[in-house]
Amino acid sequence: DLVALVTAQKVNEKGTFTLESFVVNSGT
């Protein structure tokens, strides 16, 4: 998990868009 976190941080520098929140609804 730590390797994945650090790798993701190094690859994904802060860009144009930043996720603030989301709501997703789904059903049958």
mmCIF file of all heavy atoms, coordinates in Angstrom:
data_MODEL
# 
_entry.id   MODEL 
# 
loop_
_atom_site.group_PDB 
_atom_site.id 
_atom_site.type_symbol 
_atom_site.label_atom_id 
_atom_site.label_alt_id 
_atom_site.label_comp_id 
_atom_site.label_asym_id 
_atom_site.label_entity_id 
_atom_site.label_seq_id 
_atom_site.pdbx_PDB_ins_code 
_atom_site.Cartn_x 
_atom_site.Cartn_y 
_atom_site.Cartn_z 
_atom_site.occupancy 
_atom_site.B_iso_or_equiv 
_atom_site.pdbx_formal_charge 
_atom_site.auth_seq_id 
_atom_site.auth_comp_id 
_atom_site.auth_asym_id 
_atom_site.auth_atom_id 
_atom_site.pdbx_PDB_model_num 
ATOM 1   N N   . ASP A 1 1  ? 0.840   -1.204 0.000   1.00 0.00 ? 1  ASP A N   1 
ATOM 2   C CA  . ASP A 1 1  ? 0.000   0.000  0.000   1.00 0.00 ? 1  ASP A CA  1 
ATOM 3   C C   . ASP A 1 1  ? 0.872   1.250  0.000   1.00 0.00 ? 1  ASP A C   1 
ATOM 4   O O   . ASP A 1 1  ? 0.592   2.224  -0.707  1.00 0.00 ? 1  ASP A O   1 
ATOM 5   C CB  . ASP A 1 1  ? -0.925  0.025  1.224   1.00 0.00 ? 1  ASP A CB  1 
ATOM 6   C CG  . ASP A 1 1  ? -2.018  -1.023 1.165   1.00 0.00 ? 1  ASP A CG  1 
ATOM 7   O OD1 . ASP A 1 1  ? -2.504  -1.313 0.065   1.00 0.00 ? 1  ASP A OD1 1 
ATOM 8   O OD2 . ASP A 1 1  ? -2.388  -1.544 2.241   1.00 0.00 ? 1  ASP A OD2 1 
ATOM 9   N N   . LEU A 1 2  ? 1.933   1.240  0.819   1.00 0.00 ? 2  LEU A N   1 
ATOM 10  C CA  . LEU A 1 2  ? 2.817   2.401  0.901   1.00 0.00 ? 2  LEU A CA  1 
ATOM 11  C C   . LEU A 1 2  ? 3.516   2.656  -0.436  1.00 0.00 ? 2  LEU A C   1 
ATOM 12  O O   . LEU A 1 2  ? 3.618   3.801  -0.885  1.00 0.00 ? 2  LEU A O   1 
ATOM 13  C CB  . LEU A 1 2  ? 3.863   2.199  1.997   1.00 0.00 ? 2  LEU A CB  1 
ATOM 14  C CG  . LEU A 1 2  ? 3.363   2.165  3.440   1.00 0.00 ? 2  LEU A CG  1 
ATOM 15  C CD1 . LEU A 1 2  ? 4.533   1.997  4.396   1.00 0.00 ? 2  LEU A CD1 1 
ATOM 16  C CD2 . LEU A 1 2  ? 2.582   3.427  3.780   1.00 0.00 ? 2  LEU A CD2 1 
ATOM 17  N N   . VAL A 1 3  ? 3.984   1.582  -1.058  1.00 0.00 ? 3  VAL A N   1 
ATOM 18  C CA  . VAL A 1 3  ? 4.631   1.726  -2.371  1.00 0.00 ? 3  VAL A CA  1 
ATOM 19  C C   . VAL A 1 3  ? 3.654   2.337  -3.371  1.00 0.00 ? 3  VAL A C   1 
ATOM 20  O O   . VAL A 1 3  ? 4.001   3.243  -4.136  1.00 0.00 ? 3  VAL A O   1 
ATOM 21  C CB  . VAL A 1 3  ? 5.138   0.365  -2.880  1.00 0.00 ? 3  VAL A CB  1 
ATOM 22  C CG1 . VAL A 1 3  ? 5.584   0.464  -4.337  1.00 0.00 ? 3  VAL A CG1 1 
ATOM 23  C CG2 . VAL A 1 3  ? 6.293   -0.126 -2.014  1.00 0.00 ? 3  VAL A CG2 1 
ATOM 24  N N   . ALA A 1 4  ? 2.403   1.861  -3.351  1.00 0.00 ? 4  ALA A N   1 
ATOM 25  C CA  . ALA A 1 4  ? 1.394   2.384  -4.269  1.00 0.00 ? 4  ALA A CA  1 
ATOM 26  C C   . ALA A 1 4  ? 1.102   3.859  -4.000  1.00 0.00 ? 4  ALA A C   1 
ATOM 27  O O   . ALA A 1 4  ? 0.984   4.659  -4.928  1.00 0.00 ? 4  ALA A O   1 
ATOM 28  C CB  . ALA A 1 4  ? 0.108   1.564  -4.152  1.00 0.00 ? 4  ALA A CB  1 
ATOM 29  N N   . LEU A 1 5  ? 1.002   4.229  -2.728  1.00 0.00 ? 5  LEU A N   1 
ATOM 30  C CA  . LEU A 1 5  ? 0.722   5.623  -2.375  1.00 0.00 ? 5  LEU A CA  1 
ATOM 31  C C   . LEU A 1 5  ? 1.827   6.563  -2.847  1.00 0.00 ? 5  LEU A C   1 
ATOM 32  O O   . LEU A 1 5  ? 1.566   7.601  -3.454  1.00 0.00 ? 5  LEU A O   1 
ATOM 33  C CB  . LEU A 1 5  ? 0.562   5.759  -0.855  1.00 0.00 ? 5  LEU A CB  1 
ATOM 34  C CG  . LEU A 1 5  ? -0.753  5.286  -0.232  1.00 0.00 ? 5  LEU A CG  1 
ATOM 35  C CD1 . LEU A 1 5  ? -0.684  5.422  1.280   1.00 0.00 ? 5  LEU A CD1 1 
ATOM 36  C CD2 . LEU A 1 5  ? -1.921  6.087  -0.769  1.00 0.00 ? 5  LEU A CD2 1 
ATOM 37  N N   . VAL A 1 6  ? 3.077   6.183  -2.568  1.00 0.00 ? 6  VAL A N   1 
ATOM 38  C CA  . VAL A 1 6  ? 4.197   7.046  -2.927  1.00 0.00 ? 6  VAL A CA  1 
ATOM 39  C C   . VAL A 1 6  ? 4.371   7.108  -4.437  1.00 0.00 ? 6  VAL A C   1 
ATOM 40  O O   . VAL A 1 6  ? 4.616   8.170  -5.008  1.00 0.00 ? 6  VAL A O   1 
ATOM 41  C CB  . VAL A 1 6  ? 5.498   6.562  -2.248  1.00 0.00 ? 6  VAL A CB  1 
ATOM 42  C CG1 . VAL A 1 6  ? 6.681   7.411  -2.707  1.00 0.00 ? 6  VAL A CG1 1 
ATOM 43  C CG2 . VAL A 1 6  ? 5.360   6.650  -0.740  1.00 0.00 ? 6  VAL A CG2 1 
ATOM 44  N N   . THR A 1 7  ? 4.213   5.973  -5.101  1.00 0.00 ? 7  THR A N   1 
ATOM 45  C CA  . THR A 1 7  ? 4.334   5.952  -6.561  1.00 0.00 ? 7  THR A CA  1 
ATOM 46  C C   . THR A 1 7  ? 3.270   6.831  -7.193  1.00 0.00 ? 7  THR A C   1 
ATOM 47  O O   . THR A 1 7  ? 3.538   7.600  -8.117  1.00 0.00 ? 7  THR A O   1 
ATOM 48  C CB  . THR A 1 7  ? 4.207   4.513  -7.091  1.00 0.00 ? 7  THR A CB  1 
ATOM 49  O OG1 . THR A 1 7  ? 5.218   3.703  -6.505  1.00 0.00 ? 7  THR A OG1 1 
ATOM 50  C CG2 . THR A 1 7  ? 4.371   4.486  -8.603  1.00 0.00 ? 7  THR A CG2 1 
ATOM 51  N N   . ALA A 1 8  ? 2.033   6.716  -6.698  1.00 0.00 ? 8  ALA A N   1 
ATOM 52  C CA  . ALA A 1 8  ? 0.942   7.534  -7.236  1.00 0.00 ? 8  ALA A CA  1 
ATOM 53  C C   . ALA A 1 8  ? 1.219   9.010  -7.027  1.00 0.00 ? 8  ALA A C   1 
ATOM 54  O O   . ALA A 1 8  ? 0.962   9.844  -7.893  1.00 0.00 ? 8  ALA A O   1 
ATOM 55  C CB  . ALA A 1 8  ? -0.380  7.143  -6.574  1.00 0.00 ? 8  ALA A CB  1 
ATOM 56  N N   . GLN A 1 9  ? 1.762   9.358  -5.868  1.00 0.00 ? 9  GLN A N   1 
ATOM 57  C CA  . GLN A 1 9  ? 2.049   10.758 -5.570  1.00 0.00 ? 9  GLN A CA  1 
ATOM 58  C C   . GLN A 1 9  ? 3.119   11.302 -6.513  1.00 0.00 ? 9  GLN A C   1 
ATOM 59  O O   . GLN A 1 9  ? 3.032   12.424 -6.992  1.00 0.00 ? 9  GLN A O   1 
ATOM 60  C CB  . GLN A 1 9  ? 2.515   10.896 -4.123  1.00 0.00 ? 9  GLN A CB  1 
ATOM 61  C CG  . GLN A 1 9  ? 2.862   12.337 -3.719  1.00 0.00 ? 9  GLN A CG  1 
ATOM 62  C CD  . GLN A 1 9  ? 3.174   12.433 -2.237  1.00 0.00 ? 9  GLN A CD  1 
ATOM 63  O OE1 . GLN A 1 9  ? 2.405   11.976 -1.402  1.00 0.00 ? 9  GLN A OE1 1 
ATOM 64  N NE2 . GLN A 1 9  ? 4.312   13.013 -1.911  1.00 0.00 ? 9  GLN A NE2 1 
ATOM 65  N N   . LYS A 1 10 ? 4.149   10.481 -6.794  1.00 0.00 ? 10 LYS A N   1 
ATOM 66  C CA  . LYS A 1 10 ? 5.229   10.934 -7.651  1.00 0.00 ? 10 LYS A CA  1 
ATOM 67  C C   . LYS A 1 10 ? 4.783   11.059 -9.101  1.00 0.00 ? 10 LYS A C   1 
ATOM 68  O O   . LYS A 1 10 ? 5.212   11.950 -9.824  1.00 0.00 ? 10 LYS A O   1 
ATOM 69  C CB  . LYS A 1 10 ? 6.421   9.966  -7.554  1.00 0.00 ? 10 LYS A CB  1 
ATOM 70  C CG  . LYS A 1 10 ? 7.219   10.137 -6.270  1.00 0.00 ? 10 LYS A CG  1 
ATOM 71  C CD  . LYS A 1 10 ? 8.394   9.197  -6.251  1.00 0.00 ? 10 LYS A CD  1 
ATOM 72  C CE  . LYS A 1 10 ? 9.317   9.516  -5.087  1.00 0.00 ? 10 LYS A CE  1 
ATOM 73  N NZ  . LYS A 1 10 ? 10.025  10.770 -5.278  1.00 0.00 ? 10 LYS A NZ  1 
ATOM 74  N N   . VAL A 1 11 ? 3.895   10.158 -9.540  1.00 0.00 ? 11 VAL A N   1 
ATOM 75  C CA  . VAL A 1 11 ? 3.444   10.167 -10.928 1.00 0.00 ? 11 VAL A CA  1 
ATOM 76  C C   . VAL A 1 11 ? 2.386   11.233 -11.154 1.00 0.00 ? 11 VAL A C   1 
ATOM 77  O O   . VAL A 1 11 ? 2.378   11.941 -12.152 1.00 0.00 ? 11 VAL A O   1 
ATOM 78  C CB  . VAL A 1 11 ? 2.905   8.781  -11.327 1.00 0.00 ? 11 VAL A CB  1 
ATOM 79  C CG1 . VAL A 1 11 ? 2.261   8.826  -12.699 1.00 0.00 ? 11 VAL A CG1 1 
ATOM 80  C CG2 . VAL A 1 11 ? 4.028   7.757  -11.314 1.00 0.00 ? 11 VAL A CG2 1 
ATOM 81  N N   . ASN A 1 12 ? 1.457   11.362 -10.215 1.00 0.00 ? 12 ASN A N   1 
ATOM 82  C CA  . ASN A 1 12 ? 0.317   12.256 -10.399 1.00 0.00 ? 12 ASN A CA  1 
ATOM 83  C C   . ASN A 1 12 ? 0.542   13.584 -9.671  1.00 0.00 ? 12 ASN A C   1 
ATOM 84  O O   . ASN A 1 12 ? 0.063   13.790 -8.562  1.00 0.00 ? 12 ASN A O   1 
ATOM 85  C CB  . ASN A 1 12 ? -0.965  11.594 -9.867  1.00 0.00 ? 12 ASN A CB  1 
ATOM 86  C CG  . ASN A 1 12 ? -1.229  10.251 -10.521 1.00 0.00 ? 12 ASN A CG  1 
ATOM 87  O OD1 . ASN A 1 12 ? -0.762  9.984  -11.608 1.00 0.00 ? 12 ASN A OD1 1 
ATOM 88  N ND2 . ASN A 1 12 ? -1.983  9.405  -9.840  1.00 0.00 ? 12 ASN A ND2 1 
ATOM 89  N N   . GLU A 1 13 ? 1.302   14.455 -10.300 1.00 0.00 ? 13 GLU A N   1 
ATOM 90  C CA  . GLU A 1 13 ? 1.489   15.782 -9.711  1.00 0.00 ? 13 GLU A CA  1 
ATOM 91  C C   . GLU A 1 13 ? 0.168   16.548 -9.754  1.00 0.00 ? 13 GLU A C   1 
ATOM 92  O O   . GLU A 1 13 ? -0.685  16.297 -10.591 1.00 0.00 ? 13 GLU A O   1 
ATOM 93  C CB  . GLU A 1 13 ? 2.556   16.551 -10.499 1.00 0.00 ? 13 GLU A CB  1 
ATOM 94  C CG  . GLU A 1 13 ? 3.930   15.899 -10.494 1.00 0.00 ? 13 GLU A CG  1 
ATOM 95  C CD  . GLU A 1 13 ? 4.581   15.909 -9.133  1.00 0.00 ? 13 GLU A CD  1 
ATOM 96  O OE1 . GLU A 1 13 ? 4.206   16.769 -8.319  1.00 0.00 ? 13 GLU A OE1 1 
ATOM 97  O OE2 . GLU A 1 13 ? 5.451   15.058 -8.889  1.00 0.00 ? 13 GLU A OE2 1 
ATOM 98  N N   . LYS A 1 14 ? 0.018   17.497 -8.861  1.00 0.00 ? 14 LYS A N   1 
ATOM 99  C CA  . LYS A 1 14 ? -1.209  18.288 -8.808  1.00 0.00 ? 14 LYS A CA  1 
ATOM 100 C C   . LYS A 1 14 ? -1.416  18.985 -10.136 1.00 0.00 ? 14 LYS A C   1 
ATOM 101 O O   . LYS A 1 14 ? -0.529  19.645 -10.658 1.00 0.00 ? 14 LYS A O   1 
ATOM 102 C CB  . LYS A 1 14 ? -1.134  19.309 -7.673  1.00 0.00 ? 14 LYS A CB  1 
ATOM 103 C CG  . LYS A 1 14 ? -2.454  20.028 -7.398  1.00 0.00 ? 14 LYS A CG  1 
ATOM 104 C CD  . LYS A 1 14 ? -2.311  20.911 -6.184  1.00 0.00 ? 14 LYS A CD  1 
ATOM 105 C CE  . LYS A 1 14 ? -3.606  21.640 -5.866  1.00 0.00 ? 14 LYS A CE  1 
ATOM 106 N NZ  . LYS A 1 14 ? -4.672  20.731 -5.479  1.00 0.00 ? 14 LYS A NZ  1 
ATOM 107 N N   . GLY A 1 15 ? -2.622  18.827 -10.729 1.00 0.00 ? 15 GLY A N   1 
ATOM 108 C CA  . GLY A 1 15 ? -2.870  19.341 -12.065 1.00 0.00 ? 15 GLY A CA  1 
ATOM 109 C C   . GLY A 1 15 ? -3.991  20.357 -12.107 1.00 0.00 ? 15 GLY A C   1 
ATOM 110 O O   . GLY A 1 15 ? -4.299  21.043 -11.137 1.00 0.00 ? 15 GLY A O   1 
ATOM 111 N N   . THR A 1 16 ? -4.637  20.421 -13.270 1.00 0.00 ? 16 THR A N   1 
ATOM 112 C CA  . THR A 1 16 ? -5.691  21.404 -13.503 1.00 0.00 ? 16 THR A CA  1 
ATOM 113 C C   . THR A 1 16 ? -6.926  21.117 -12.664 1.00 0.00 ? 16 THR A C   1 
ATOM 114 O O   . THR A 1 16 ? -7.592  22.039 -12.182 1.00 0.00 ? 16 THR A O   1 
ATOM 115 C CB  . THR A 1 16 ? -6.070  21.395 -14.995 1.00 0.00 ? 16 THR A CB  1 
ATOM 116 O OG1 . THR A 1 16 ? -4.880  21.580 -15.774 1.00 0.00 ? 16 THR A OG1 1 
ATOM 117 C CG2 . THR A 1 16 ? -7.056  22.502 -15.325 1.00 0.00 ? 16 THR A CG2 1 
ATOM 118 N N   . PHE A 1 17 ? -7.241  19.842 -12.475 1.00 0.00 ? 17 PHE A N   1 
ATOM 119 C CA  . PHE A 1 17 ? -8.473  19.448 -11.782 1.00 0.00 ? 17 PHE A CA  1 
ATOM 120 C C   . PHE A 1 17 ? -8.161  18.687 -10.495 1.00 0.00 ? 17 PHE A C   1 
ATOM 121 O O   . PHE A 1 17 ? -7.272  17.838 -10.468 1.00 0.00 ? 17 PHE A O   1 
ATOM 122 C CB  . PHE A 1 17 ? -9.335  18.568 -12.688 1.00 0.00 ? 17 PHE A CB  1 
ATOM 123 C CG  . PHE A 1 17 ? -9.548  19.144 -14.065 1.00 0.00 ? 17 PHE A CG  1 
ATOM 124 C CD1 . PHE A 1 17 ? -8.913  18.599 -15.168 1.00 0.00 ? 17 PHE A CD1 1 
ATOM 125 C CD2 . PHE A 1 17 ? -10.375 20.244 -14.250 1.00 0.00 ? 17 PHE A CD2 1 
ATOM 126 C CE1 . PHE A 1 17 ? -9.096  19.139 -16.437 1.00 0.00 ? 17 PHE A CE1 1 
ATOM 127 C CE2 . PHE A 1 17 ? -10.563 20.784 -15.515 1.00 0.00 ? 17 PHE A CE2 1 
ATOM 128 C CZ  . PHE A 1 17 ? -9.923  20.233 -16.608 1.00 0.00 ? 17 PHE A CZ  1 
ATOM 129 N N   . THR A 1 18 ? -8.932  18.975 -9.439  1.00 0.00 ? 18 THR A N   1 
ATOM 130 C CA  . THR A 1 18 ? -8.797  18.268 -8.168  1.00 0.00 ? 18 THR A CA  1 
ATOM 131 C C   . THR A 1 18 ? -10.176 17.814 -7.713  1.00 0.00 ? 18 THR A C   1 
ATOM 132 O O   . THR A 1 18 ? -11.115 18.627 -7.663  1.00 0.00 ? 18 THR A O   1 
ATOM 133 C CB  . THR A 1 18 ? -8.180  19.172 -7.087  1.00 0.00 ? 18 THR A CB  1 
ATOM 134 O OG1 . THR A 1 18 ? -6.923  19.674 -7.546  1.00 0.00 ? 18 THR A OG1 1 
ATOM 135 C CG2 . THR A 1 18 ? -7.981  18.406 -5.789  1.00 0.00 ? 18 THR A CG2 1 
ATOM 136 N N   . LEU A 1 19 ? -10.290 16.533 -7.390  1.00 0.00 ? 19 LEU A N   1 
ATOM 137 C CA  . LEU A 1 19 ? -11.573 16.005 -6.922  1.00 0.00 ? 19 LEU A CA  1 
ATOM 138 C C   . LEU A 1 19 ? -11.879 16.543 -5.533  1.00 0.00 ? 19 LEU A C   1 
ATOM 139 O O   . LEU A 1 19 ? -11.081 16.432 -4.613  1.00 0.00 ? 19 LEU A O   1 
ATOM 140 C CB  . LEU A 1 19 ? -11.532 14.469 -6.884  1.00 0.00 ? 19 LEU A CB  1 
ATOM 141 C CG  . LEU A 1 19 ? -12.779 13.779 -6.339  1.00 0.00 ? 19 LEU A CG  1 
ATOM 142 C CD1 . LEU A 1 19 ? -13.987 14.035 -7.228  1.00 0.00 ? 19 LEU A CD1 1 
ATOM 143 C CD2 . LEU A 1 19 ? -12.528 12.276 -6.172  1.00 0.00 ? 19 LEU A CD2 1 
ATOM 144 N N   . GLU A 1 20 ? -13.066 17.147 -5.385  1.00 0.00 ? 20 GLU A N   1 
ATOM 145 C CA  . GLU A 1 20 ? -13.511 17.632 -4.072  1.00 0.00 ? 20 GLU A CA  1 
ATOM 146 C C   . GLU A 1 20 ? -14.493 16.660 -3.432  1.00 0.00 ? 20 GLU A C   1 
ATOM 147 O O   . GLU A 1 20 ? -14.369 16.330 -2.256  1.00 0.00 ? 20 GLU A O   1 
ATOM 148 C CB  . GLU A 1 20 ? -14.148 19.023 -4.217  1.00 0.00 ? 20 GLU A CB  1 
ATOM 149 C CG  . GLU A 1 20 ? -13.149 20.125 -4.512  1.00 0.00 ? 20 GLU A CG  1 
ATOM 150 C CD  . GLU A 1 20 ? -13.749 21.504 -4.311  1.00 0.00 ? 20 GLU A CD  1 
ATOM 151 O OE1 . GLU A 1 20 ? -14.979 21.607 -4.064  1.00 0.00 ? 20 GLU A OE1 1 
ATOM 152 O OE2 . GLU A 1 20 ? -12.997 22.498 -4.411  1.00 0.00 ? 20 GLU A OE2 1 
ATOM 153 N N   . SER A 1 21 ? -15.496 16.225 -4.203  1.00 0.00 ? 21 SER A N   1 
ATOM 154 C CA  . SER A 1 21 ? -16.474 15.281 -3.651  1.00 0.00 ? 21 SER A CA  1 
ATOM 155 C C   . SER A 1 21 ? -17.250 14.626 -4.783  1.00 0.00 ? 21 SER A C   1 
ATOM 156 O O   . SER A 1 21 ? -17.228 15.102 -5.919  1.00 0.00 ? 21 SER A O   1 
ATOM 157 C CB  . SER A 1 21 ? -17.450 15.993 -2.704  1.00 0.00 ? 21 SER A CB  1 
ATOM 158 O OG  . SER A 1 21 ? -18.232 16.938 -3.426  1.00 0.00 ? 21 SER A OG  1 
ATOM 159 N N   . PHE A 1 22 ? -17.926 13.552 -4.452  1.00 0.00 ? 22 PHE A N   1 
ATOM 160 C CA  . PHE A 1 22 ? -18.780 12.893 -5.443  1.00 0.00 ? 22 PHE A CA  1 
ATOM 161 C C   . PHE A 1 22 ? -19.924 12.179 -4.739  1.00 0.00 ? 22 PHE A C   1 
ATOM 162 O O   . PHE A 1 22 ? -19.802 11.744 -3.584  1.00 0.00 ? 22 PHE A O   1 
ATOM 163 C CB  . PHE A 1 22 ? -17.981 11.905 -6.307  1.00 0.00 ? 22 PHE A CB  1 
ATOM 164 C CG  . PHE A 1 22 ? -17.536 10.669 -5.573  1.00 0.00 ? 22 PHE A CG  1 
ATOM 165 C CD1 . PHE A 1 22 ? -18.309 9.505  -5.560  1.00 0.00 ? 22 PHE A CD1 1 
ATOM 166 C CD2 . PHE A 1 22 ? -16.318 10.652 -4.891  1.00 0.00 ? 22 PHE A CD2 1 
ATOM 167 C CE1 . PHE A 1 22 ? -17.891 8.373  -4.885  1.00 0.00 ? 22 PHE A CE1 1 
ATOM 168 C CE2 . PHE A 1 22 ? -15.899 9.518  -4.209  1.00 0.00 ? 22 PHE A CE2 1 
ATOM 169 C CZ  . PHE A 1 22 ? -16.683 8.376  -4.204  1.00 0.00 ? 22 PHE A CZ  1 
ATOM 170 N N   . VAL A 1 23 ? -21.043 12.056 -5.454  1.00 0.00 ? 23 VAL A N   1 
ATOM 171 C CA  . VAL A 1 23 ? -22.178 11.261 -4.998  1.00 0.00 ? 23 VAL A CA  1 
ATOM 172 C C   . VAL A 1 23 ? -22.647 10.450 -6.197  1.00 0.00 ? 23 VAL A C   1 
ATOM 173 O O   . VAL A 1 23 ? -22.924 11.003 -7.268  1.00 0.00 ? 23 VAL A O   1 
ATOM 174 C CB  . VAL A 1 23 ? -23.337 12.133 -4.485  1.00 0.00 ? 23 VAL A CB  1 
ATOM 175 C CG1 . VAL A 1 23 ? -24.533 11.249 -4.116  1.00 0.00 ? 23 VAL A CG1 1 
ATOM 176 C CG2 . VAL A 1 23 ? -22.911 12.955 -3.281  1.00 0.00 ? 23 VAL A CG2 1 
ATOM 177 N N   . VAL A 1 24 ? -22.719 9.147  -6.024  1.00 0.00 ? 24 VAL A N   1 
ATOM 178 C CA  . VAL A 1 24 ? -23.149 8.267  -7.106  1.00 0.00 ? 24 VAL A CA  1 
ATOM 179 C C   . VAL A 1 24 ? -24.290 7.400  -6.599  1.00 0.00 ? 24 VAL A C   1 
ATOM 180 O O   . VAL A 1 24 ? -24.197 6.798  -5.519  1.00 0.00 ? 24 VAL A O   1 
ATOM 181 C CB  . VAL A 1 24 ? -21.991 7.369  -7.602  1.00 0.00 ? 24 VAL A CB  1 
ATOM 182 C CG1 . VAL A 1 24 ? -22.486 6.390  -8.653  1.00 0.00 ? 24 VAL A CG1 1 
ATOM 183 C CG2 . VAL A 1 24 ? -20.868 8.222  -8.187  1.00 0.00 ? 24 VAL A CG2 1 
ATOM 184 N N   . ASN A 1 25 ? -25.394 7.354  -7.353  1.00 0.00 ? 25 ASN A N   1 
ATOM 185 C CA  . ASN A 1 25 ? -26.536 6.507  -7.017  1.00 0.00 ? 25 ASN A CA  1 
ATOM 186 C C   . ASN A 1 25 ? -26.750 5.488  -8.122  1.00 0.00 ? 25 ASN A C   1 
ATOM 187 O O   . ASN A 1 25 ? -26.695 5.815  -9.313  1.00 0.00 ? 25 ASN A O   1 
ATOM 188 C CB  . ASN A 1 25 ? -27.803 7.347  -6.866  1.00 0.00 ? 25 ASN A CB  1 
ATOM 189 C CG  . ASN A 1 25 ? -27.723 8.280  -5.666  1.00 0.00 ? 25 ASN A CG  1 
ATOM 190 O OD1 . ASN A 1 25 ? -27.450 7.845  -4.556  1.00 0.00 ? 25 ASN A OD1 1 
ATOM 191 N ND2 . ASN A 1 25 ? -27.944 9.568  -5.893  1.00 0.00 ? 25 ASN A ND2 1 
ATOM 192 N N   . SER A 1 26 ? -27.030 4.241  -7.705  1.00 0.00 ? 26 SER A N   1 
ATOM 193 C CA  . SER A 1 26 ? -27.248 3.181  -8.686  1.00 0.00 ? 26 SER A CA  1 
ATOM 194 C C   . SER A 1 26 ? -28.121 2.099  -8.079  1.00 0.00 ? 26 SER A C   1 
ATOM 195 O O   . SER A 1 26 ? -28.148 1.921  -6.843  1.00 0.00 ? 26 SER A O   1 
ATOM 196 C CB  . SER A 1 26 ? -25.900 2.588  -9.118  1.00 0.00 ? 26 SER A CB  1 
ATOM 197 O OG  . SER A 1 26 ? -26.074 1.604  -10.092 1.00 0.00 ? 26 SER A OG  1 
ATOM 198 N N   . GLY A 1 27 ? -28.848 1.405  -8.907  1.00 0.00 ? 27 GLY A N   1 
ATOM 199 C CA  . GLY A 1 27 ? -29.715 0.326  -8.414  1.00 0.00 ? 27 GLY A CA  1 
ATOM 200 C C   . GLY A 1 27 ? -30.157 -0.561 -9.554  1.00 0.00 ? 27 GLY A C   1 
ATOM 201 O O   . GLY A 1 27 ? -29.857 -0.297 -10.728 1.00 0.00 ? 27 GLY A O   1 
ATOM 202 N N   . THR A 1 28 ? -30.924 -1.611 -9.195  1.00 0.00 ? 28 THR A N   1 
ATOM 203 C CA  . THR A 1 28 ? -31.317 -2.580 -10.219 1.00 0.00 ? 28 THR A CA  1 
ATOM 204 C C   . THR A 1 28 ? -32.366 -2.044 -11.180 1.00 0.00 ? 28 THR A C   1 
ATOM 205 O O   . THR A 1 28 ? -32.396 -2.424 -12.344 1.00 0.00 ? 28 THR A O   1 
ATOM 206 C CB  . THR A 1 28 ? -31.847 -3.865 -9.551  1.00 0.00 ? 28 THR A CB  1 
ATOM 207 O OG1 . THR A 1 28 ? -32.903 -3.508 -8.642  1.00 0.00 ? 28 THR A OG1 1 
ATOM 208 C CG2 . THR A 1 28 ? -30.740 -4.589 -8.815  1.00 0.00 ? 28 THR A CG2 1 
# 
